[in-house]
Amino acid sequence: MYSEKVMDHFQNPRNVGEIEGASGVGTVGNAKCGDIMRMYLDIDENGIIHDCKFKTFGCGAAVATSSMATELVKGKTIQEALQVTNKAVMEALDGLPPVKVHCSLLAEEAIHAALWDYAEKHGIKIEGLDKPKSDISEEEVEEEY
């Protein structure tokens, strides 16, 4: 059911924890399944993400997608991080079961929420970044099983 990469990131998640004095913090959830994801970003003066950590309350797929998302944005510019989609997270994990696709949406939204917080703290607008939803179940489409 789950790929080896999903199992690896679930059993050995990367970048778990908090960043004290983070540049941006984003929290998103899914009311339907109860998953909550918080993403912390440490962004330098050149707009490079030096560190990224997460705390997730949720299923194994939620932990794995959080872990992979942090790996995908670390060392990237803000604009590059903005391009990390749920599809990119799923591909990096060698896929997710259809009923767990929403976990990758949570990871994408958590990145956006942390970037939004960073922009708000610094009084800047990040091109292409819209205000994220705090509950992704609002936009979820019915998945076929």
N, C-alpha and C. Protein backbone atom coordinates (compact mmCIF):
# COMPACT_ATOMS: atom_id res chain seq x y z
N MET A 1 0.81 -1.20 0.00
CA MET A 1 0.00 0.00 0.00
C MET A 1 0.86 1.27 0.00
N TYR A 2 1.87 1.33 0.86
CA TYR A 2 2.77 2.49 0.91
C TYR A 2 4.12 2.16 0.30
N SER A 3 4.74 3.14 -0.37
CA SER A 3 6.07 2.94 -0.95
C SER A 3 7.11 2.87 0.18
N GLU A 4 8.30 2.37 -0.18
CA GLU A 4 9.40 2.31 0.79
C GLU A 4 9.76 3.70 1.29
N LYS A 5 9.71 4.70 0.39
CA LYS A 5 10.05 6.07 0.80
C LYS A 5 9.04 6.62 1.80
N VAL A 6 7.76 6.35 1.59
CA VAL A 6 6.74 6.80 2.54
C VAL A 6 7.02 6.17 3.90
N MET A 7 7.27 4.86 3.91
CA MET A 7 7.53 4.16 5.17
C MET A 7 8.79 4.70 5.86
N ASP A 8 9.83 4.99 5.06
CA ASP A 8 11.07 5.53 5.61
C ASP A 8 10.84 6.90 6.26
N HIS A 9 10.11 7.79 5.57
CA HIS A 9 9.86 9.12 6.11
C HIS A 9 8.88 9.09 7.29
N PHE A 10 8.04 8.06 7.35
CA PHE A 10 7.15 7.91 8.50
C PHE A 10 7.93 7.38 9.71
N GLN A 11 8.73 6.34 9.49
CA GLN A 11 9.46 5.72 10.60
C GLN A 11 10.69 6.51 11.03
N ASN A 12 11.29 7.27 10.09
CA ASN A 12 12.48 8.08 10.38
C ASN A 12 12.28 9.49 9.83
N PRO A 13 11.31 10.22 10.36
CA PRO A 13 11.03 11.55 9.79
C PRO A 13 12.21 12.50 9.94
N ARG A 14 12.41 13.31 8.90
CA ARG A 14 13.47 14.31 8.90
C ARG A 14 12.90 15.63 9.41
N ASN A 15 13.74 16.39 10.08
CA ASN A 15 13.44 17.78 10.44
C ASN A 15 12.23 17.95 11.37
N VAL A 16 12.06 17.04 12.31
CA VAL A 16 10.97 17.16 13.28
C VAL A 16 11.37 18.17 14.35
N GLY A 17 10.42 19.01 14.74
CA GLY A 17 10.68 19.94 15.83
C GLY A 17 10.24 21.34 15.50
N GLU A 18 10.73 22.27 16.31
CA GLU A 18 10.39 23.67 16.16
C GLU A 18 11.67 24.46 15.90
N ILE A 19 11.52 25.63 15.31
CA ILE A 19 12.64 26.57 15.16
C ILE A 19 12.33 27.77 16.04
N GLU A 20 13.16 27.97 17.05
CA GLU A 20 13.01 29.12 17.94
C GLU A 20 13.20 30.40 17.14
N GLY A 21 12.26 31.32 17.24
CA GLY A 21 12.36 32.58 16.50
C GLY A 21 12.29 32.40 15.00
N ALA A 22 11.47 31.47 14.54
CA ALA A 22 11.35 31.17 13.11
C ALA A 22 10.95 32.40 12.31
N SER A 23 11.44 32.48 11.07
CA SER A 23 11.08 33.57 10.16
C SER A 23 9.61 33.50 9.78
N GLY A 24 9.12 32.27 9.65
CA GLY A 24 7.72 32.06 9.30
C GLY A 24 7.22 30.75 9.87
N VAL A 25 5.98 30.76 10.38
CA VAL A 25 5.35 29.56 10.92
C VAL A 25 3.96 29.45 10.33
N GLY A 26 3.65 28.28 9.79
CA GLY A 26 2.32 28.08 9.22
C GLY A 26 1.67 26.84 9.79
N THR A 27 0.41 26.96 10.16
CA THR A 27 -0.34 25.83 10.69
C THR A 27 -1.58 25.62 9.84
N VAL A 28 -1.75 24.40 9.38
CA VAL A 28 -2.95 24.04 8.61
C VAL A 28 -3.48 22.72 9.11
N GLY A 29 -4.75 22.47 8.86
CA GLY A 29 -5.35 21.23 9.29
C GLY A 29 -6.40 20.76 8.30
N ASN A 30 -6.91 19.60 8.58
CA ASN A 30 -8.00 19.04 7.79
C ASN A 30 -9.04 18.55 8.80
N ALA A 31 -10.13 19.29 8.91
CA ALA A 31 -11.17 18.97 9.90
C ALA A 31 -11.79 17.59 9.67
N LYS A 32 -11.81 17.15 8.42
CA LYS A 32 -12.43 15.85 8.11
C LYS A 32 -11.65 14.67 8.68
N CYS A 33 -10.30 14.74 8.60
CA CYS A 33 -9.52 13.61 9.08
C CYS A 33 -8.80 13.89 10.40
N GLY A 34 -8.76 15.17 10.81
CA GLY A 34 -8.14 15.51 12.09
C GLY A 34 -6.65 15.79 12.04
N ASP A 35 -6.02 15.71 10.85
CA ASP A 35 -4.59 15.98 10.74
C ASP A 35 -4.32 17.47 10.93
N ILE A 36 -3.23 17.78 11.64
CA ILE A 36 -2.77 19.15 11.81
C ILE A 36 -1.26 19.17 11.55
N MET A 37 -0.83 20.15 10.74
CA MET A 37 0.57 20.25 10.37
C MET A 37 1.06 21.67 10.64
N ARG A 38 2.19 21.78 11.32
CA ARG A 38 2.81 23.09 11.56
C ARG A 38 4.20 23.07 10.96
N MET A 39 4.49 24.07 10.13
CA MET A 39 5.77 24.18 9.42
C MET A 39 6.50 25.43 9.90
N TYR A 40 7.79 25.27 10.19
CA TYR A 40 8.64 26.37 10.64
C TYR A 40 9.72 26.61 9.59
N LEU A 41 9.93 27.87 9.20
CA LEU A 41 10.96 28.21 8.23
C LEU A 41 11.95 29.20 8.82
N ASP A 42 13.23 28.99 8.54
CA ASP A 42 14.29 29.94 8.89
C ASP A 42 14.82 30.47 7.56
N ILE A 43 14.49 31.72 7.25
CA ILE A 43 14.83 32.32 5.96
C ILE A 43 15.83 33.44 6.19
N ASP A 44 16.94 33.42 5.43
CA ASP A 44 17.96 34.46 5.62
C ASP A 44 17.62 35.73 4.85
N GLU A 45 18.50 36.73 4.95
CA GLU A 45 18.25 38.04 4.33
C GLU A 45 18.24 37.99 2.80
N ASN A 46 18.76 36.91 2.23
CA ASN A 46 18.74 36.74 0.77
C ASN A 46 17.54 35.93 0.29
N GLY A 47 16.64 35.59 1.21
CA GLY A 47 15.45 34.84 0.83
C GLY A 47 15.69 33.36 0.64
N ILE A 48 16.75 32.83 1.25
CA ILE A 48 17.06 31.40 1.16
C ILE A 48 16.58 30.70 2.44
N ILE A 49 15.91 29.58 2.28
CA ILE A 49 15.43 28.81 3.43
C ILE A 49 16.58 27.96 3.96
N HIS A 50 17.12 28.39 5.10
CA HIS A 50 18.26 27.68 5.69
C HIS A 50 17.84 26.46 6.48
N ASP A 51 16.67 26.56 7.11
CA ASP A 51 16.21 25.43 7.91
C ASP A 51 14.70 25.36 7.82
N CYS A 52 14.20 24.17 7.97
CA CYS A 52 12.76 23.93 7.93
C CYS A 52 12.47 22.76 8.85
N LYS A 53 11.52 22.96 9.75
CA LYS A 53 11.13 21.89 10.67
C LYS A 53 9.61 21.80 10.69
N PHE A 54 9.11 20.68 11.20
CA PHE A 54 7.66 20.49 11.26
C PHE A 54 7.25 19.76 12.52
N LYS A 55 5.99 19.94 12.86
CA LYS A 55 5.32 19.14 13.88
C LYS A 55 3.98 18.77 13.27
N THR A 56 3.69 17.49 13.25
CA THR A 56 2.44 17.02 12.65
C THR A 56 1.73 16.09 13.61
N PHE A 57 0.44 16.32 13.73
CA PHE A 57 -0.44 15.41 14.46
C PHE A 57 -1.30 14.77 13.39
N GLY A 58 -1.06 13.50 13.14
CA GLY A 58 -1.83 12.85 12.08
C GLY A 58 -1.33 11.45 11.79
N CYS A 59 -1.81 10.94 10.70
CA CYS A 59 -1.48 9.57 10.28
C CYS A 59 -0.05 9.48 9.74
N GLY A 60 0.37 8.28 9.42
CA GLY A 60 1.71 8.05 8.89
C GLY A 60 1.98 8.81 7.60
N ALA A 61 0.97 8.89 6.73
CA ALA A 61 1.13 9.61 5.46
C ALA A 61 1.31 11.11 5.71
N ALA A 62 0.63 11.64 6.72
CA ALA A 62 0.78 13.06 7.06
C ALA A 62 2.20 13.34 7.56
N VAL A 63 2.73 12.46 8.38
CA VAL A 63 4.10 12.60 8.88
C VAL A 63 5.09 12.50 7.72
N ALA A 64 4.89 11.52 6.85
CA ALA A 64 5.80 11.32 5.71
C ALA A 64 5.78 12.51 4.75
N THR A 65 4.60 13.04 4.46
CA THR A 65 4.53 14.18 3.53
C THR A 65 5.14 15.44 4.17
N SER A 66 4.96 15.62 5.47
CA SER A 66 5.58 16.74 6.17
C SER A 66 7.10 16.64 6.08
N SER A 67 7.61 15.45 6.38
CA SER A 67 9.04 15.20 6.36
C SER A 67 9.62 15.48 4.98
N MET A 68 8.98 14.95 3.94
CA MET A 68 9.47 15.15 2.58
C MET A 68 9.38 16.62 2.17
N ALA A 69 8.31 17.29 2.55
CA ALA A 69 8.16 18.71 2.20
C ALA A 69 9.31 19.54 2.77
N THR A 70 9.72 19.24 4.01
CA THR A 70 10.83 20.00 4.60
C THR A 70 12.12 19.74 3.82
N GLU A 71 12.32 18.52 3.37
CA GLU A 71 13.50 18.19 2.59
C GLU A 71 13.50 18.93 1.24
N LEU A 72 12.31 19.07 0.65
CA LEU A 72 12.20 19.71 -0.66
C LEU A 72 12.40 21.22 -0.63
N VAL A 73 12.12 21.88 0.50
CA VAL A 73 12.26 23.34 0.54
C VAL A 73 13.58 23.81 1.16
N LYS A 74 14.24 22.96 1.91
CA LYS A 74 15.51 23.35 2.54
C LYS A 74 16.54 23.74 1.47
N GLY A 75 17.15 24.91 1.66
CA GLY A 75 18.17 25.37 0.73
C GLY A 75 17.61 26.08 -0.50
N LYS A 76 16.30 26.15 -0.59
CA LYS A 76 15.65 26.78 -1.75
C LYS A 76 15.36 28.26 -1.47
N THR A 77 15.14 29.01 -2.55
CA THR A 77 14.69 30.39 -2.41
C THR A 77 13.20 30.36 -2.09
N ILE A 78 12.67 31.50 -1.69
CA ILE A 78 11.24 31.59 -1.41
C ILE A 78 10.44 31.21 -2.65
N GLN A 79 10.83 31.73 -3.81
CA GLN A 79 10.10 31.43 -5.05
C GLN A 79 10.18 29.94 -5.40
N GLU A 80 11.34 29.32 -5.19
CA GLU A 80 11.48 27.88 -5.45
C GLU A 80 10.59 27.08 -4.49
N ALA A 81 10.53 27.50 -3.22
CA ALA A 81 9.70 26.80 -2.23
C ALA A 81 8.23 26.91 -2.60
N LEU A 82 7.86 28.04 -3.16
CA LEU A 82 6.48 28.26 -3.58
C LEU A 82 6.06 27.30 -4.69
N GLN A 83 7.03 26.81 -5.43
CA GLN A 83 6.76 25.89 -6.54
C GLN A 83 6.62 24.42 -6.08
N VAL A 84 6.90 24.16 -4.81
CA VAL A 84 6.77 22.79 -4.29
C VAL A 84 5.27 22.50 -4.12
N THR A 85 4.75 21.65 -4.99
CA THR A 85 3.33 21.32 -4.99
C THR A 85 3.07 20.00 -4.29
N ASN A 86 1.79 19.73 -4.04
CA ASN A 86 1.46 18.43 -3.45
C ASN A 86 1.88 17.31 -4.39
N LYS A 87 1.81 17.56 -5.70
CA LYS A 87 2.22 16.55 -6.68
C LYS A 87 3.72 16.26 -6.56
N ALA A 88 4.52 17.31 -6.37
CA ALA A 88 5.97 17.14 -6.20
C ALA A 88 6.28 16.34 -4.95
N VAL A 89 5.54 16.60 -3.88
CA VAL A 89 5.73 15.86 -2.62
C VAL A 89 5.38 14.38 -2.84
N MET A 90 4.25 14.13 -3.50
CA MET A 90 3.85 12.73 -3.77
C MET A 90 4.86 12.02 -4.66
N GLU A 91 5.34 12.70 -5.70
CA GLU A 91 6.32 12.08 -6.60
C GLU A 91 7.61 11.76 -5.86
N ALA A 92 8.04 12.68 -4.99
CA ALA A 92 9.28 12.45 -4.22
C ALA A 92 9.14 11.26 -3.28
N LEU A 93 7.91 10.96 -2.89
CA LEU A 93 7.64 9.81 -2.00
C LEU A 93 7.28 8.55 -2.80
N ASP A 94 7.40 8.60 -4.11
CA ASP A 94 7.02 7.48 -4.98
C ASP A 94 5.54 7.14 -4.86
N GLY A 95 4.71 8.17 -4.65
CA GLY A 95 3.26 8.01 -4.67
C GLY A 95 2.63 7.80 -3.30
N LEU A 96 1.32 8.06 -3.28
CA LEU A 96 0.49 7.85 -2.09
C LEU A 96 -0.79 7.16 -2.53
N PRO A 97 -1.40 6.38 -1.66
CA PRO A 97 -2.71 5.81 -1.99
C PRO A 97 -3.72 6.94 -2.21
N PRO A 98 -4.69 6.77 -3.09
CA PRO A 98 -5.67 7.83 -3.37
C PRO A 98 -6.33 8.42 -2.12
N VAL A 99 -6.59 7.60 -1.12
CA VAL A 99 -7.26 8.11 0.09
C VAL A 99 -6.32 8.96 0.96
N LYS A 100 -5.04 9.03 0.61
CA LYS A 100 -4.06 9.80 1.39
C LYS A 100 -3.52 11.01 0.63
N VAL A 101 -4.05 11.28 -0.55
CA VAL A 101 -3.59 12.41 -1.35
C VAL A 101 -3.76 13.73 -0.58
N HIS A 102 -4.81 13.82 0.24
CA HIS A 102 -5.05 15.06 0.99
C HIS A 102 -3.88 15.40 1.92
N CYS A 103 -3.10 14.41 2.32
CA CYS A 103 -1.94 14.67 3.19
C CYS A 103 -0.90 15.50 2.45
N SER A 104 -0.72 15.23 1.15
CA SER A 104 0.23 16.02 0.38
C SER A 104 -0.28 17.44 0.17
N LEU A 105 -1.61 17.62 0.08
CA LEU A 105 -2.19 18.96 0.00
C LEU A 105 -1.91 19.74 1.28
N LEU A 106 -1.97 19.04 2.41
CA LEU A 106 -1.68 19.65 3.71
C LEU A 106 -0.24 20.15 3.74
N ALA A 107 0.69 19.35 3.22
CA ALA A 107 2.11 19.74 3.20
C ALA A 107 2.31 20.98 2.34
N GLU A 108 1.70 21.02 1.17
CA GLU A 108 1.82 22.19 0.29
C GLU A 108 1.25 23.43 0.98
N GLU A 109 0.08 23.30 1.58
CA GLU A 109 -0.56 24.44 2.26
C GLU A 109 0.25 24.89 3.47
N ALA A 110 0.90 23.97 4.17
CA ALA A 110 1.71 24.34 5.34
C ALA A 110 2.91 25.19 4.91
N ILE A 111 3.54 24.83 3.78
CA ILE A 111 4.64 25.64 3.23
C ILE A 111 4.12 27.04 2.93
N HIS A 112 2.98 27.10 2.22
CA HIS A 112 2.40 28.39 1.85
C HIS A 112 2.03 29.22 3.08
N ALA A 113 1.49 28.56 4.11
CA ALA A 113 1.11 29.27 5.34
C ALA A 113 2.34 29.84 6.04
N ALA A 114 3.43 29.10 6.06
CA ALA A 114 4.67 29.59 6.69
C ALA A 114 5.26 30.74 5.88
N LEU A 115 5.20 30.65 4.56
CA LEU A 115 5.68 31.74 3.71
C LEU A 115 4.80 32.98 3.87
N TRP A 116 3.49 32.77 4.01
CA TRP A 116 2.55 33.88 4.23
C TRP A 116 2.90 34.60 5.54
N ASP A 117 3.16 33.82 6.59
CA ASP A 117 3.52 34.38 7.89
C ASP A 117 4.81 35.19 7.78
N TYR A 118 5.79 34.66 7.06
CA TYR A 118 7.06 35.36 6.83
C TYR A 118 6.81 36.70 6.13
N ALA A 119 5.99 36.67 5.08
CA ALA A 119 5.68 37.89 4.33
C ALA A 119 4.97 38.92 5.22
N GLU A 120 4.03 38.45 6.03
CA GLU A 120 3.30 39.34 6.94
C GLU A 120 4.26 39.99 7.95
N LYS A 121 5.16 39.19 8.52
CA LYS A 121 6.12 39.70 9.51
C LYS A 121 7.06 40.74 8.91
N HIS A 122 7.37 40.59 7.62
CA HIS A 122 8.33 41.48 6.97
C HIS A 122 7.67 42.55 6.11
N GLY A 123 6.35 42.58 6.10
CA GLY A 123 5.63 43.59 5.33
C GLY A 123 5.90 43.52 3.84
N ILE A 124 6.03 42.31 3.32
CA ILE A 124 6.30 42.14 1.88
C ILE A 124 5.20 41.30 1.24
N LYS A 125 5.15 41.37 -0.08
CA LYS A 125 4.23 40.51 -0.83
C LYS A 125 5.09 39.53 -1.61
N ILE A 126 4.75 38.26 -1.52
CA ILE A 126 5.46 37.23 -2.29
C ILE A 126 4.62 36.95 -3.53
N GLU A 127 5.22 37.23 -4.67
CA GLU A 127 4.54 37.05 -5.95
C GLU A 127 4.05 35.61 -6.10
N GLY A 128 2.77 35.45 -6.39
CA GLY A 128 2.20 34.13 -6.62
C GLY A 128 1.68 33.44 -5.36
N LEU A 129 1.81 34.11 -4.20
CA LEU A 129 1.35 33.51 -2.94
C LEU A 129 0.01 34.12 -2.54
N ASP A 130 -1.00 33.28 -2.46
CA ASP A 130 -2.31 33.70 -1.98
C ASP A 130 -2.45 33.29 -0.53
N LYS A 131 -3.32 34.00 0.19
CA LYS A 131 -3.54 33.67 1.59
C LYS A 131 -4.01 32.22 1.70
N PRO A 132 -3.28 31.40 2.46
CA PRO A 132 -3.64 29.98 2.57
C PRO A 132 -4.87 29.76 3.45
N LYS A 133 -5.51 28.64 3.23
CA LYS A 133 -6.65 28.24 4.07
C LYS A 133 -6.09 27.53 5.30
N SER A 134 -6.71 27.73 6.44
CA SER A 134 -6.24 27.02 7.63
C SER A 134 -6.82 25.62 7.71
N ASP A 135 -7.92 25.39 6.96
CA ASP A 135 -8.55 24.06 6.91
C ASP A 135 -8.69 23.64 5.46
N ILE A 136 -7.88 22.67 5.03
CA ILE A 136 -7.90 22.28 3.62
C ILE A 136 -9.13 21.47 3.25
N SER A 137 -9.90 21.00 4.22
CA SER A 137 -11.08 20.19 3.89
C SER A 137 -12.13 21.05 3.19
N GLU A 138 -12.00 22.39 3.29
CA GLU A 138 -12.92 23.31 2.62
C GLU A 138 -12.86 23.15 1.10
N GLU A 139 -11.67 22.82 0.58
CA GLU A 139 -11.50 22.76 -0.87
C GLU A 139 -11.39 21.33 -1.40
N GLU A 140 -11.47 20.37 -0.51
CA GLU A 140 -11.28 18.99 -0.91
C GLU A 140 -12.40 18.50 -1.82
N VAL A 141 -12.01 17.77 -2.84
CA VAL A 141 -13.01 17.16 -3.71
C VAL A 141 -13.20 15.71 -3.27
N GLU A 142 -14.34 15.19 -3.55
CA GLU A 142 -14.60 13.78 -3.20
C GLU A 142 -13.64 12.89 -3.97
N GLU A 143 -12.96 12.03 -3.26
CA GLU A 143 -12.02 11.11 -3.89
C GLU A 143 -12.71 9.80 -4.20
N GLU A 144 -12.35 9.23 -5.34
CA GLU A 144 -12.92 7.94 -5.70
C GLU A 144 -12.07 6.83 -5.07
N TYR A 145 -12.74 5.83 -4.52
CA TYR A 145 -12.02 4.75 -3.85
C TYR A 145 -12.04 3.50 -4.69
